[in-house]
Amino acid sequence: MGHVMNWAVKNKTTVNLLKKCFAFHRLNVSHDLLPPVMLNVGRVAVAKLLGVYLRHDLNFSQHVESIVATCNQRLHLLAQLKKQGLGISVTDSVFKAIVLNEISYALPVFF
């Protein structure tokens, strides 16, 4: 953690120590091994990092559920646009922009 604090000072930024930190580590790690600045950092089961939900056990089910919910909302919007009589080329472009983009974002994470 010391290198993070040094980097923050060097780059004239601050580190919010009140926020929780998400880290993959063994559950049996003693608090004696942690630097003093990290003693108040709590563990979380799920964290959202760059739009991707990460679980402590590397299970992506919550991320997939989030994407499905978002895509359902956007597909409803697409259906409403189609009801208004927009052409296929417009709806195809909208699909690629708001639905396909959501599905394909962070796809390499799963592999």
PDB file of N, CA and C in Angstrom:
ATOM      1  N   MET A   1       0.829  -1.191   0.000  1.00  0.00           N
ATOM      2  CA  MET A   1       0.000   0.000   0.000  1.00  0.00           C
ATOM      3  C   MET A   1       0.869   1.248   0.000  1.00  0.00           C
ATOM      4  N   GLY A   2       2.079   1.104   0.515  1.00  0.00           N
ATOM      5  CA  GLY A   2       2.984   2.246   0.568  1.00  0.00           C
ATOM      6  C   GLY A   2       3.291   2.802  -0.807  1.00  0.00           C
ATOM      7  N   HIS A   3       3.457   1.913  -1.802  1.00  0.00           N
ATOM      8  CA  HIS A   3       3.750   2.401  -3.145  1.00  0.00           C
ATOM      9  C   HIS A   3       2.555   3.146  -3.739  1.00  0.00           C
ATOM     10  N   VAL A   4       1.350   2.758  -3.372  1.00  0.00           N
ATOM     11  CA  VAL A   4       0.157   3.470  -3.837  1.00  0.00           C
ATOM     12  C   VAL A   4       0.116   4.863  -3.222  1.00  0.00           C
ATOM     13  N   MET A   5       0.405   4.946  -1.929  1.00  0.00           N
ATOM     14  CA  MET A   5       0.406   6.246  -1.259  1.00  0.00           C
ATOM     15  C   MET A   5       1.507   7.151  -1.831  1.00  0.00           C
ATOM     16  N   ASN A   6       2.679   6.590  -2.084  1.00  0.00           N
ATOM     17  CA  ASN A   6       3.766   7.373  -2.683  1.00  0.00           C
ATOM     18  C   ASN A   6       3.388   7.863  -4.070  1.00  0.00           C
ATOM     19  N   TRP A   7       2.768   7.007  -4.863  1.00  0.00           N
ATOM     20  CA  TRP A   7       2.333   7.398  -6.204  1.00  0.00           C
ATOM     21  C   TRP A   7       1.305   8.515  -6.119  1.00  0.00           C
ATOM     22  N   ALA A   8       0.368   8.418  -5.175  1.00  0.00           N
ATOM     23  CA  ALA A   8      -0.671   9.442  -5.019  1.00  0.00           C
ATOM     24  C   ALA A   8      -0.054  10.797  -4.660  1.00  0.00           C
ATOM     25  N   VAL A   9       0.908  10.798  -3.750  1.00  0.00           N
ATOM     26  CA  VAL A   9       1.553  12.051  -3.363  1.00  0.00           C
ATOM     27  C   VAL A   9       2.329  12.622  -4.541  1.00  0.00           C
ATOM     28  N   LYS A  10       3.051  11.766  -5.245  1.00  0.00           N
ATOM     29  CA  LYS A  10       3.851  12.208  -6.390  1.00  0.00           C
ATOM     30  C   LYS A  10       2.984  12.801  -7.491  1.00  0.00           C
ATOM     31  N   ASN A  11       1.781  12.237  -7.699  1.00  0.00           N
ATOM     32  CA  ASN A  11       0.886  12.706  -8.755  1.00  0.00           C
ATOM     33  C   ASN A  11      -0.181  13.675  -8.252  1.00  0.00           C
ATOM     34  N   LYS A  12       0.004  14.161  -7.034  1.00  0.00           N
ATOM     35  CA  LYS A  12      -0.868  15.176  -6.442  1.00  0.00           C
ATOM     36  C   LYS A  12      -2.328  14.729  -6.405  1.00  0.00           C
ATOM     37  N   THR A  13      -2.546  13.502  -5.986  1.00  0.00           N
ATOM     38  CA  THR A  13      -3.892  12.969  -5.811  1.00  0.00           C
ATOM     39  C   THR A  13      -4.025  12.461  -4.385  1.00  0.00           C
ATOM     40  N   THR A  14      -5.228  12.066  -4.033  1.00  0.00           N
ATOM     41  CA  THR A  14      -5.442  11.527  -2.698  1.00  0.00           C
ATOM     42  C   THR A  14      -6.047  10.137  -2.809  1.00  0.00           C
ATOM     43  N   VAL A  15      -5.817   9.345  -1.795  1.00  0.00           N
ATOM     44  CA  VAL A  15      -6.383   8.005  -1.709  1.00  0.00           C
ATOM     45  C   VAL A  15      -7.460   8.045  -0.634  1.00  0.00           C
ATOM     46  N   ASN A  16      -8.666   7.631  -0.984  1.00  0.00           N
ATOM     47  CA  ASN A  16      -9.762   7.608  -0.028  1.00  0.00           C
ATOM     48  C   ASN A  16      -9.695   6.303   0.752  1.00  0.00           C
ATOM     49  N   LEU A  17      -9.199   6.381   1.962  1.00  0.00           N
ATOM     50  CA  LEU A  17      -9.020   5.194   2.780  1.00  0.00           C
ATOM     51  C   LEU A  17     -10.320   4.728   3.428  1.00  0.00           C
ATOM     52  N   LEU A  18     -11.385   5.518   3.310  1.00  0.00           N
ATOM     53  CA  LEU A  18     -12.667   5.124   3.883  1.00  0.00           C
ATOM     54  C   LEU A  18     -13.428   4.167   2.972  1.00  0.00           C
ATOM     55  N   LYS A  19     -13.041   4.099   1.714  1.00  0.00           N
ATOM     56  CA  LYS A  19     -13.699   3.189   0.778  1.00  0.00           C
ATOM     57  C   LYS A  19     -13.194   1.778   0.995  1.00  0.00           C
ATOM     58  N   LYS A  20     -14.019   0.826   0.593  1.00  0.00           N
ATOM     59  CA  LYS A  20     -13.606  -0.574   0.723  1.00  0.00           C
ATOM     60  C   LYS A  20     -12.744  -0.958  -0.465  1.00  0.00           C
ATOM     61  N   CYS A  21     -11.891  -1.897  -0.225  1.00  0.00           N
ATOM     62  CA  CYS A  21     -10.984  -2.383  -1.252  1.00  0.00           C
ATOM     63  C   CYS A  21     -11.381  -3.799  -1.620  1.00  0.00           C
ATOM     64  N   PHE A  22     -11.322  -4.117  -2.886  1.00  0.00           N
ATOM     65  CA  PHE A  22     -11.639  -5.455  -3.350  1.00  0.00           C
ATOM     66  C   PHE A  22     -10.341  -6.119  -3.755  1.00  0.00           C
ATOM     67  N   ALA A  23     -10.024  -7.209  -3.129  1.00  0.00           N
ATOM     68  CA  ALA A  23      -8.782  -7.898  -3.435  1.00  0.00           C
ATOM     69  C   ALA A  23      -9.005  -9.395  -3.328  1.00  0.00           C
ATOM     70  N   PHE A  24      -8.356 -10.136  -4.203  1.00  0.00           N
ATOM     71  CA  PHE A  24      -8.394 -11.587  -4.121  1.00  0.00           C
ATOM     72  C   PHE A  24      -7.214 -12.036  -3.279  1.00  0.00           C
ATOM     73  N   HIS A  25      -7.508 -12.660  -2.202  1.00  0.00           N
ATOM     74  CA  HIS A  25      -6.448 -13.190  -1.356  1.00  0.00           C
ATOM     75  C   HIS A  25      -7.015 -14.320  -0.524  1.00  0.00           C
ATOM     76  N   ARG A  26      -6.128 -15.042   0.091  1.00  0.00           N
ATOM     77  CA  ARG A  26      -6.568 -16.163   0.918  1.00  0.00           C
ATOM     78  C   ARG A  26      -7.333 -15.647   2.122  1.00  0.00           C
ATOM     79  N   LEU A  27      -8.304 -16.423   2.546  1.00  0.00           N
ATOM     80  CA  LEU A  27      -9.121 -16.007   3.684  1.00  0.00           C
ATOM     81  C   LEU A  27      -8.381 -16.128   5.010  1.00  0.00           C
ATOM     82  N   ASN A  28      -7.341 -16.944   5.055  1.00  0.00           N
ATOM     83  CA  ASN A  28      -6.650 -17.150   6.319  1.00  0.00           C
ATOM     84  C   ASN A  28      -5.452 -16.224   6.511  1.00  0.00           C
ATOM     85  N   VAL A  29      -5.403 -15.119   5.780  1.00  0.00           N
ATOM     86  CA  VAL A  29      -4.302 -14.175   5.939  1.00  0.00           C
ATOM     87  C   VAL A  29      -4.492 -13.405   7.237  1.00  0.00           C
ATOM     88  N   SER A  30      -3.457 -13.348   8.011  1.00  0.00           N
ATOM     89  CA  SER A  30      -3.506 -12.644   9.291  1.00  0.00           C
ATOM     90  C   SER A  30      -3.446 -11.136   9.065  1.00  0.00           C
ATOM     91  N   HIS A  31      -4.111 -10.387   9.933  1.00  0.00           N
ATOM     92  CA  HIS A  31      -4.041  -8.932   9.843  1.00  0.00           C
ATOM     93  C   HIS A  31      -2.663  -8.413  10.208  1.00  0.00           C
ATOM     94  N   ASP A  32      -1.843  -9.245  10.822  1.00  0.00           N
ATOM     95  CA  ASP A  32      -0.485  -8.826  11.166  1.00  0.00           C
ATOM     96  C   ASP A  32       0.361  -8.619   9.916  1.00  0.00           C
ATOM     97  N   LEU A  33      -0.013  -9.273   8.803  1.00  0.00           N
ATOM     98  CA  LEU A  33       0.754  -9.162   7.570  1.00  0.00           C
ATOM     99  C   LEU A  33       0.380  -7.935   6.757  1.00  0.00           C
ATOM    100  N   LEU A  34      -0.745  -7.296   7.083  1.00  0.00           N
ATOM    101  CA  LEU A  34      -1.194  -6.131   6.333  1.00  0.00           C
ATOM    102  C   LEU A  34      -0.529  -4.868   6.854  1.00  0.00           C
ATOM    103  N   PRO A  35      -0.247  -3.920   5.964  1.00  0.00           N
ATOM    104  CA  PRO A  35       0.288  -2.633   6.428  1.00  0.00           C
ATOM    105  C   PRO A  35      -0.745  -1.925   7.295  1.00  0.00           C
ATOM    106  N   PRO A  36      -0.324  -1.080   8.222  1.00  0.00           N
ATOM    107  CA  PRO A  36      -1.266  -0.408   9.129  1.00  0.00           C
ATOM    108  C   PRO A  36      -2.329   0.405   8.412  1.00  0.00           C
ATOM    109  N   VAL A  37      -2.008   0.975   7.257  1.00  0.00           N
ATOM    110  CA  VAL A  37      -2.974   1.806   6.546  1.00  0.00           C
ATOM    111  C   VAL A  37      -4.130   0.974   5.990  1.00  0.00           C
ATOM    112  N   MET A  38      -3.940  -0.340   5.845  1.00  0.00           N
ATOM    113  CA  MET A  38      -4.972  -1.197   5.267  1.00  0.00           C
ATOM    114  C   MET A  38      -5.824  -1.909   6.310  1.00  0.00           C
ATOM    115  N   LEU A  39      -5.594  -1.681   7.563  1.00  0.00           N
ATOM    116  CA  LEU A  39      -6.345  -2.389   8.588  1.00  0.00           C
ATOM    117  C   LEU A  39      -7.821  -2.017   8.599  1.00  0.00           C
ATOM    118  N   ASN A  40      -8.139  -0.789   8.171  1.00  0.00           N
ATOM    119  CA  ASN A  40      -9.536  -0.368   8.170  1.00  0.00           C
ATOM    120  C   ASN A  40     -10.223  -0.628   6.823  1.00  0.00           C
ATOM    121  N   VAL A  41      -9.546  -1.267   5.909  1.00  0.00           N
ATOM    122  CA  VAL A  41     -10.133  -1.586   4.607  1.00  0.00           C
ATOM    123  C   VAL A  41     -10.891  -2.899   4.737  1.00  0.00           C
ATOM    124  N   GLY A  42     -12.169  -2.862   4.389  1.00  0.00           N
ATOM    125  CA  GLY A  42     -12.995  -4.057   4.521  1.00  0.00           C
ATOM    126  C   GLY A  42     -12.986  -4.911   3.271  1.00  0.00           C
ATOM    127  N   ARG A  43     -13.432  -6.119   3.416  1.00  0.00           N
ATOM    128  CA  ARG A  43     -13.555  -7.032   2.293  1.00  0.00           C
ATOM    129  C   ARG A  43     -14.968  -6.962   1.749  1.00  0.00           C
ATOM    130  N   VAL A  44     -15.087  -7.114   0.453  1.00  0.00           N
ATOM    131  CA  VAL A  44     -16.400  -7.149  -0.179  1.00  0.00           C
ATOM    132  C   VAL A  44     -16.502  -8.422  -0.994  1.00  0.00           C
ATOM    133  N   ALA A  45     -17.716  -8.912  -1.182  1.00  0.00           N
ATOM    134  CA  ALA A  45     -17.918 -10.127  -1.956  1.00  0.00           C
ATOM    135  C   ALA A  45     -17.981  -9.824  -3.451  1.00  0.00           C
ATOM    136  N   VAL A  46     -18.506  -8.636  -3.793  1.00  0.00           N
ATOM    137  CA  VAL A  46     -18.658  -8.258  -5.202  1.00  0.00           C
ATOM    138  C   VAL A  46     -18.204  -6.818  -5.359  1.00  0.00           C
ATOM    139  N   ALA A  47     -17.480  -6.551  -6.438  1.00  0.00           N
ATOM    140  CA  ALA A  47     -17.073  -5.189  -6.761  1.00  0.00           C
ATOM    141  C   ALA A  47     -17.301  -4.946  -8.236  1.00  0.00           C
ATOM    142  N   LYS A  48     -17.668  -3.717  -8.562  1.00  0.00           N
ATOM    143  CA  LYS A  48     -17.842  -3.344  -9.966  1.00  0.00           C
ATOM    144  C   LYS A  48     -16.628  -2.536 -10.370  1.00  0.00           C
ATOM    145  N   LEU A  49     -15.866  -3.066 -11.309  1.00  0.00           N
ATOM    146  CA  LEU A  49     -14.644  -2.429 -11.761  1.00  0.00           C
ATOM    147  C   LEU A  49     -14.717  -2.264 -13.271  1.00  0.00           C
ATOM    148  N   LEU A  50     -14.701  -1.018 -13.723  1.00  0.00           N
ATOM    149  CA  LEU A  50     -14.788  -0.697 -15.151  1.00  0.00           C
ATOM    150  C   LEU A  50     -16.014  -1.332 -15.814  1.00  0.00           C
ATOM    151  N   GLY A  51     -17.118  -1.367 -15.097  1.00  0.00           N
ATOM    152  CA  GLY A  51     -18.367  -1.872 -15.652  1.00  0.00           C
ATOM    153  C   GLY A  51     -18.541  -3.372 -15.577  1.00  0.00           C
ATOM    154  N   VAL A  52     -17.601  -4.066 -14.975  1.00  0.00           N
ATOM    155  CA  VAL A  52     -17.670  -5.520 -14.875  1.00  0.00           C
ATOM    156  C   VAL A  52     -17.778  -5.890 -13.400  1.00  0.00           C
ATOM    157  N   TYR A  53     -18.789  -6.699 -13.066  1.00  0.00           N
ATOM    158  CA  TYR A  53     -18.944  -7.171 -11.697  1.00  0.00           C
ATOM    159  C   TYR A  53     -17.983  -8.331 -11.461  1.00  0.00           C
ATOM    160  N   LEU A  54     -17.161  -8.206 -10.448  1.00  0.00           N
ATOM    161  CA  LEU A  54     -16.206  -9.253 -10.085  1.00  0.00           C
ATOM    162  C   LEU A  54     -16.573  -9.797  -8.718  1.00  0.00           C
ATOM    163  N   ARG A  55     -16.673 -11.097  -8.618  1.00  0.00           N
ATOM    164  CA  ARG A  55     -16.940 -11.745  -7.334  1.00  0.00           C
ATOM    165  C   ARG A  55     -15.645 -12.318  -6.792  1.00  0.00           C
ATOM    166  N   HIS A  56     -15.617 -12.530  -5.511  1.00  0.00           N
ATOM    167  CA  HIS A  56     -14.408 -13.054  -4.873  1.00  0.00           C
ATOM    168  C   HIS A  56     -14.080 -14.468  -5.352  1.00  0.00           C
ATOM    169  N   ASP A  57     -15.074 -15.203  -5.855  1.00  0.00           N
ATOM    170  CA  ASP A  57     -14.832 -16.557  -6.344  1.00  0.00           C
ATOM    171  C   ASP A  57     -14.767 -16.622  -7.876  1.00  0.00           C
ATOM    172  N   LEU A  58     -14.621 -15.456  -8.520  1.00  0.00           N
ATOM    173  CA  LEU A  58     -14.535 -15.322  -9.983  1.00  0.00           C
ATOM    174  C   LEU A  58     -15.766 -15.879 -10.702  1.00  0.00           C
ATOM    175  N   ASN A  59     -16.916 -15.736 -10.091  1.00  0.00           N
ATOM    176  CA  ASN A  59     -18.187 -16.126 -10.698  1.00  0.00           C
ATOM    177  C   ASN A  59     -18.780 -14.874 -11.333  1.00  0.00           C
ATOM    178  N   PHE A  60     -19.164 -14.949 -12.602  1.00  0.00           N
ATOM    179  CA  PHE A  60     -19.648 -13.783 -13.325  1.00  0.00           C
ATOM    180  C   PHE A  60     -21.162 -13.761 -13.460  1.00  0.00           C
ATOM    181  N   SER A  61     -21.876 -14.530 -12.631  1.00  0.00           N
ATOM    182  CA  SER A  61     -23.331 -14.596 -12.772  1.00  0.00           C
ATOM    183  C   SER A  61     -23.983 -13.238 -12.532  1.00  0.00           C
ATOM    184  N   GLN A  62     -23.511 -12.469 -11.580  1.00  0.00           N
ATOM    185  CA  GLN A  62     -24.102 -11.155 -11.327  1.00  0.00           C
ATOM    186  C   GLN A  62     -23.855 -10.214 -12.499  1.00  0.00           C
ATOM    187  N   HIS A  63     -22.696 -10.316 -13.130  1.00  0.00           N
ATOM    188  CA  HIS A  63     -22.404  -9.490 -14.300  1.00  0.00           C
ATOM    189  C   HIS A  63     -23.336  -9.854 -15.456  1.00  0.00           C
ATOM    190  N   VAL A  64     -23.537 -11.133 -15.673  1.00  0.00           N
ATOM    191  CA  VAL A  64     -24.420 -11.578 -16.753  1.00  0.00           C
ATOM    192  C   VAL A  64     -25.851 -11.120 -16.489  1.00  0.00           C
ATOM    193  N   GLU A  65     -26.316 -11.237 -15.248  1.00  0.00           N
ATOM    194  CA  GLU A  65     -27.665 -10.777 -14.906  1.00  0.00           C
ATOM    195  C   GLU A  65     -27.812  -9.277 -15.148  1.00  0.00           C
ATOM    196  N   SER A  66     -26.789  -8.519 -14.834  1.00  0.00           N
ATOM    197  CA  SER A  66     -26.823  -7.075 -15.055  1.00  0.00           C
ATOM    198  C   SER A  66     -26.908  -6.754 -16.546  1.00  0.00           C
ATOM    199  N   ILE A  67     -26.121  -7.460 -17.350  1.00  0.00           N
ATOM    200  CA  ILE A  67     -26.153  -7.225 -18.797  1.00  0.00           C
ATOM    201  C   ILE A  67     -27.495  -7.619 -19.387  1.00  0.00           C
ATOM    202  N   VAL A  68     -28.065  -8.733 -18.957  1.00  0.00           N
ATOM    203  CA  VAL A  68     -29.370  -9.163 -19.463  1.00  0.00           C
ATOM    204  C   VAL A  68     -30.441  -8.129 -19.119  1.00  0.00           C
ATOM    205  N   ALA A  69     -30.414  -7.600 -17.902  1.00  0.00           N
ATOM    206  CA  ALA A  69     -31.398  -6.589 -17.503  1.00  0.00           C
ATOM    207  C   ALA A  69     -31.248  -5.317 -18.347  1.00  0.00           C
ATOM    208  N   THR A  70     -30.019  -4.883 -18.556  1.00  0.00           N
ATOM    209  CA  THR A  70     -29.778  -3.689 -19.367  1.00  0.00           C
ATOM    210  C   THR A  70     -30.222  -3.906 -20.805  1.00  0.00           C
ATOM    211  N   CYS A  71     -29.902  -5.058 -21.360  1.00  0.00           N
ATOM    212  CA  CYS A  71     -30.278  -5.341 -22.750  1.00  0.00           C
ATOM    213  C   CYS A  71     -31.793  -5.458 -22.899  1.00  0.00           C
ATOM    214  N   ASN A  72     -32.488  -5.993 -21.906  1.00  0.00           N
ATOM    215  CA  ASN A  72     -33.950  -6.051 -21.965  1.00  0.00           C
ATOM    216  C   ASN A  72     -34.547  -4.658 -22.039  1.00  0.00           C
ATOM    217  N   GLN A  73     -34.025  -3.734 -21.248  1.00  0.00           N
ATOM    218  CA  GLN A  73     -34.507  -2.356 -21.288  1.00  0.00           C
ATOM    219  C   GLN A  73     -34.243  -1.728 -22.654  1.00  0.00           C
ATOM    220  N   ARG A  74     -33.076  -1.965 -23.191  1.00  0.00           N
ATOM    221  CA  ARG A  74     -32.719  -1.366 -24.480  1.00  0.00           C
ATOM    222  C   ARG A  74     -33.484  -2.004 -25.629  1.00  0.00           C
ATOM    223  N   LEU A  75     -33.763  -3.294 -25.525  1.00  0.00           N
ATOM    224  CA  LEU A  75     -34.570  -3.932 -26.563  1.00  0.00           C
ATOM    225  C   LEU A  75     -36.003  -3.415 -26.534  1.00  0.00           C
ATOM    226  N   HIS A  76     -36.518  -3.090 -25.358  1.00  0.00           N
ATOM    227  CA  HIS A  76     -37.849  -2.479 -25.262  1.00  0.00           C
ATOM    228  C   HIS A  76     -37.845  -1.120 -25.965  1.00  0.00           C
ATOM    229  N   LEU A  77     -36.798  -0.333 -25.764  1.00  0.00           N
ATOM    230  CA  LEU A  77     -36.662   0.943 -26.456  1.00  0.00           C
ATOM    231  C   LEU A  77     -36.626   0.725 -27.962  1.00  0.00           C
ATOM    232  N   LEU A  78     -35.898  -0.285 -28.391  1.00  0.00           N
ATOM    233  CA  LEU A  78     -35.809  -0.594 -29.820  1.00  0.00           C
ATOM    234  C   LEU A  78     -37.174  -0.982 -30.387  1.00  0.00           C
ATOM    235  N   ALA A  79     -37.958  -1.734 -29.619  1.00  0.00           N
ATOM    236  CA  ALA A  79     -39.308  -2.104 -30.054  1.00  0.00           C
ATOM    237  C   ALA A  79     -40.196  -0.869 -30.178  1.00  0.00           C
ATOM    238  N   GLN A  80     -40.045   0.072 -29.258  1.00  0.00           N
ATOM    239  CA  GLN A  80     -40.827   1.313 -29.337  1.00  0.00           C
ATOM    240  C   GLN A  80     -40.446   2.129 -30.570  1.00  0.00           C
ATOM    241  N   LEU A  81     -39.162   2.168 -30.895  1.00  0.00           N
ATOM    242  CA  LEU A  81     -38.722   2.877 -32.099  1.00  0.00           C
ATOM    243  C   LEU A  81     -39.264   2.210 -33.358  1.00  0.00           C
ATOM    244  N   LYS A  82     -39.307   0.889 -33.343  1.00  0.00           N
ATOM    245  CA  LYS A  82     -39.825   0.153 -34.498  1.00  0.00           C
ATOM    246  C   LYS A  82     -41.322   0.421 -34.678  1.00  0.00           C
ATOM    247  N   LYS A  83     -42.061   0.534 -33.562  1.00  0.00           N
ATOM    248  CA  LYS A  83     -43.490   0.847 -33.626  1.00  0.00           C
ATOM    249  C   LYS A  83     -43.738   2.223 -34.229  1.00  0.00           C
ATOM    250  N   GLN A  84     -42.788   3.129 -34.055  1.00  0.00           N
ATOM    251  CA  GLN A  84     -42.927   4.476 -34.606  1.00  0.00           C
ATOM    252  C   GLN A  84     -42.663   4.518 -36.101  1.00  0.00           C
ATOM    253  N   GLY A  85     -42.250   3.385 -36.678  1.00  0.00           N
ATOM    254  CA  GLY A  85     -42.090   3.295 -38.125  1.00  0.00           C
ATOM    255  C   GLY A  85     -40.709   3.626 -38.651  1.00  0.00           C
ATOM    256  N   LEU A  86     -39.709   3.531 -37.810  1.00  0.00           N
ATOM    257  CA  LEU A  86     -38.355   3.756 -38.308  1.00  0.00           C
ATOM    258  C   LEU A  86     -37.939   2.621 -39.234  1.00  0.00           C
ATOM    259  N   GLY A  87     -37.100   2.930 -40.194  1.00  0.00           N
ATOM    260  CA  GLY A  87     -36.651   1.925 -41.152  1.00  0.00           C
ATOM    261  C   GLY A  87     -35.718   0.908 -40.527  1.00  0.00           C
ATOM    262  N   ILE A  88     -35.503  -0.166 -41.266  1.00  0.00           N
ATOM    263  CA  ILE A  88     -34.640  -1.246 -40.770  1.00  0.00           C
ATOM    264  C   ILE A  88     -33.203  -0.773 -40.595  1.00  0.00           C
ATOM    265  N   SER A  89     -32.737   0.079 -41.482  1.00  0.00           N
ATOM    266  CA  SER A  89     -31.354   0.545 -41.366  1.00  0.00           C
ATOM    267  C   SER A  89     -31.148   1.357 -40.090  1.00  0.00           C
ATOM    268  N   VAL A  90     -32.144   2.148 -39.704  1.00  0.00           N
ATOM    269  CA  VAL A  90     -32.033   2.945 -38.481  1.00  0.00           C
ATOM    270  C   VAL A  90     -32.081   2.037 -37.259  1.00  0.00           C
ATOM    271  N   THR A  91     -33.041   1.102 -37.229  1.00  0.00           N
ATOM    272  CA  THR A  91     -33.142   0.212 -36.071  1.00  0.00           C
ATOM    273  C   THR A  91     -31.928  -0.702 -35.965  1.00  0.00           C
ATOM    274  N   ASP A  92     -31.366  -1.097 -37.106  1.00  0.00           N
ATOM    275  CA  ASP A  92     -30.154  -1.910 -37.088  1.00  0.00           C
ATOM    276  C   ASP A  92     -28.988  -1.130 -36.494  1.00  0.00           C
ATOM    277  N   SER A  93     -28.870   0.125 -36.867  1.00  0.00           N
ATOM    278  CA  SER A  93     -27.801   0.970 -36.321  1.00  0.00           C
ATOM    279  C   SER A  93     -27.989   1.191 -34.831  1.00  0.00           C
ATOM    280  N   VAL A  94     -29.241   1.415 -34.405  1.00  0.00           N
ATOM    281  CA  VAL A  94     -29.523   1.608 -32.989  1.00  0.00           C
ATOM    282  C   VAL A  94     -29.217   0.331 -32.217  1.00  0.00           C
ATOM    283  N   PHE A  95     -29.580  -0.835 -32.775  1.00  0.00           N
ATOM    284  CA  PHE A  95     -29.281  -2.112 -32.121  1.00  0.00           C
ATOM    285  C   PHE A  95     -27.778  -2.279 -31.916  1.00  0.00           C
ATOM    286  N   LYS A  96     -27.016  -2.005 -32.959  1.00  0.00           N
ATOM    287  CA  LYS A  96     -25.561  -2.146 -32.848  1.00  0.00           C
ATOM    288  C   LYS A  96     -24.981  -1.178 -31.822  1.00  0.00           C
ATOM    289  N   ALA A  97     -25.561   0.021 -31.737  1.00  0.00           N
ATOM    290  CA  ALA A  97     -25.018   1.040 -30.848  1.00  0.00           C
ATOM    291  C   ALA A  97     -25.354   0.790 -29.383  1.00  0.00           C
ATOM    292  N   ILE A  98     -26.598   0.350 -29.092  1.00  0.00           N
ATOM    293  CA  ILE A  98     -26.992   0.300 -27.685  1.00  0.00           C
ATOM    294  C   ILE A  98     -27.148  -1.106 -27.119  1.00  0.00           C
ATOM    295  N   VAL A  99     -27.324  -2.108 -27.968  1.00  0.00           N
ATOM    296  CA  VAL A  99     -27.500  -3.472 -27.451  1.00  0.00           C
ATOM    297  C   VAL A  99     -26.246  -4.307 -27.684  1.00  0.00           C
ATOM    298  N   LEU A 100     -25.814  -4.390 -28.915  1.00  0.00           N
ATOM    299  CA  LEU A 100     -24.649  -5.210 -29.235  1.00  0.00           C
ATOM    300  C   LEU A 100     -23.397  -4.705 -28.524  1.00  0.00           C
ATOM    301  N   ASN A 101     -23.301  -3.401 -28.396  1.00  0.00           N
ATOM    302  CA  ASN A 101     -22.164  -2.820 -27.690  1.00  0.00           C
ATOM    303  C   ASN A 101     -22.148  -3.261 -26.227  1.00  0.00           C
ATOM    304  N   GLU A 102     -23.315  -3.311 -25.602  1.00  0.00           N
ATOM    305  CA  GLU A 102     -23.409  -3.737 -24.198  1.00  0.00           C
ATOM    306  C   GLU A 102     -23.032  -5.206 -24.046  1.00  0.00           C
ATOM    307  N   ILE A 103     -23.468  -6.028 -24.983  1.00  0.00           N
ATOM    308  CA  ILE A 103     -23.181  -7.469 -24.912  1.00  0.00           C
ATOM    309  C   ILE A 103     -21.698  -7.750 -25.099  1.00  0.00           C
ATOM    310  N   SER A 104     -21.082  -7.046 -26.037  1.00  0.00           N
ATOM    311  CA  SER A 104     -19.695  -7.363 -26.376  1.00  0.00           C
ATOM    312  C   SER A 104     -18.671  -6.686 -25.472  1.00  0.00           C
ATOM    313  N   TYR A 105     -19.109  -5.715 -24.641  1.00  0.00           N
ATOM    314  CA  TYR A 105     -18.158  -5.045 -23.749  1.00  0.00           C
ATOM    315  C   TYR A 105     -17.614  -6.040 -22.727  1.00  0.00           C
ATOM    316  N   ALA A 106     -16.343  -6.061 -22.554  1.00  0.00           N
ATOM    317  CA  ALA A 106     -15.638  -6.908 -21.582  1.00  0.00           C
ATOM    318  C   ALA A 106     -15.836  -8.389 -21.834  1.00  0.00           C
ATOM    319  N   LEU A 107     -16.171  -8.759 -23.047  1.00  0.00           N
ATOM    320  CA  LEU A 107     -16.349 -10.170 -23.387  1.00  0.00           C
ATOM    321  C   LEU A 107     -15.061 -10.986 -23.184  1.00  0.00           C
ATOM    322  N   PRO A 108     -13.883 -10.430 -23.480  1.00  0.00           N
ATOM    323  CA  PRO A 108     -12.654 -11.198 -23.242  1.00  0.00           C
ATOM    324  C   PRO A 108     -12.416 -11.571 -21.782  1.00  0.00           C
ATOM    325  N   VAL A 109     -13.089 -10.895 -20.853  1.00  0.00           N
ATOM    326  CA  VAL A 109     -12.913 -11.215 -19.427  1.00  0.00           C
ATOM    327  C   VAL A 109     -13.351 -12.638 -19.146  1.00  0.00           C
ATOM    328  N   PHE A 110     -14.365 -13.116 -19.862  1.00  0.00           N
ATOM    329  CA  PHE A 110     -14.900 -14.451 -19.597  1.00  0.00           C
ATOM    330  C   PHE A 110     -13.993 -15.560 -20.095  1.00  0.00           C
ATOM    331  N   PHE A 111     -13.046 -15.218 -20.942  1.00  0.00           N
ATOM    332  CA  PHE A 111     -12.161 -16.240 -21.469  1.00  0.00           C
ATOM    333  C   PHE A 111     -10.800 -16.062 -20.875  1.00  0.00           C
TER     334      PHE A 111
END
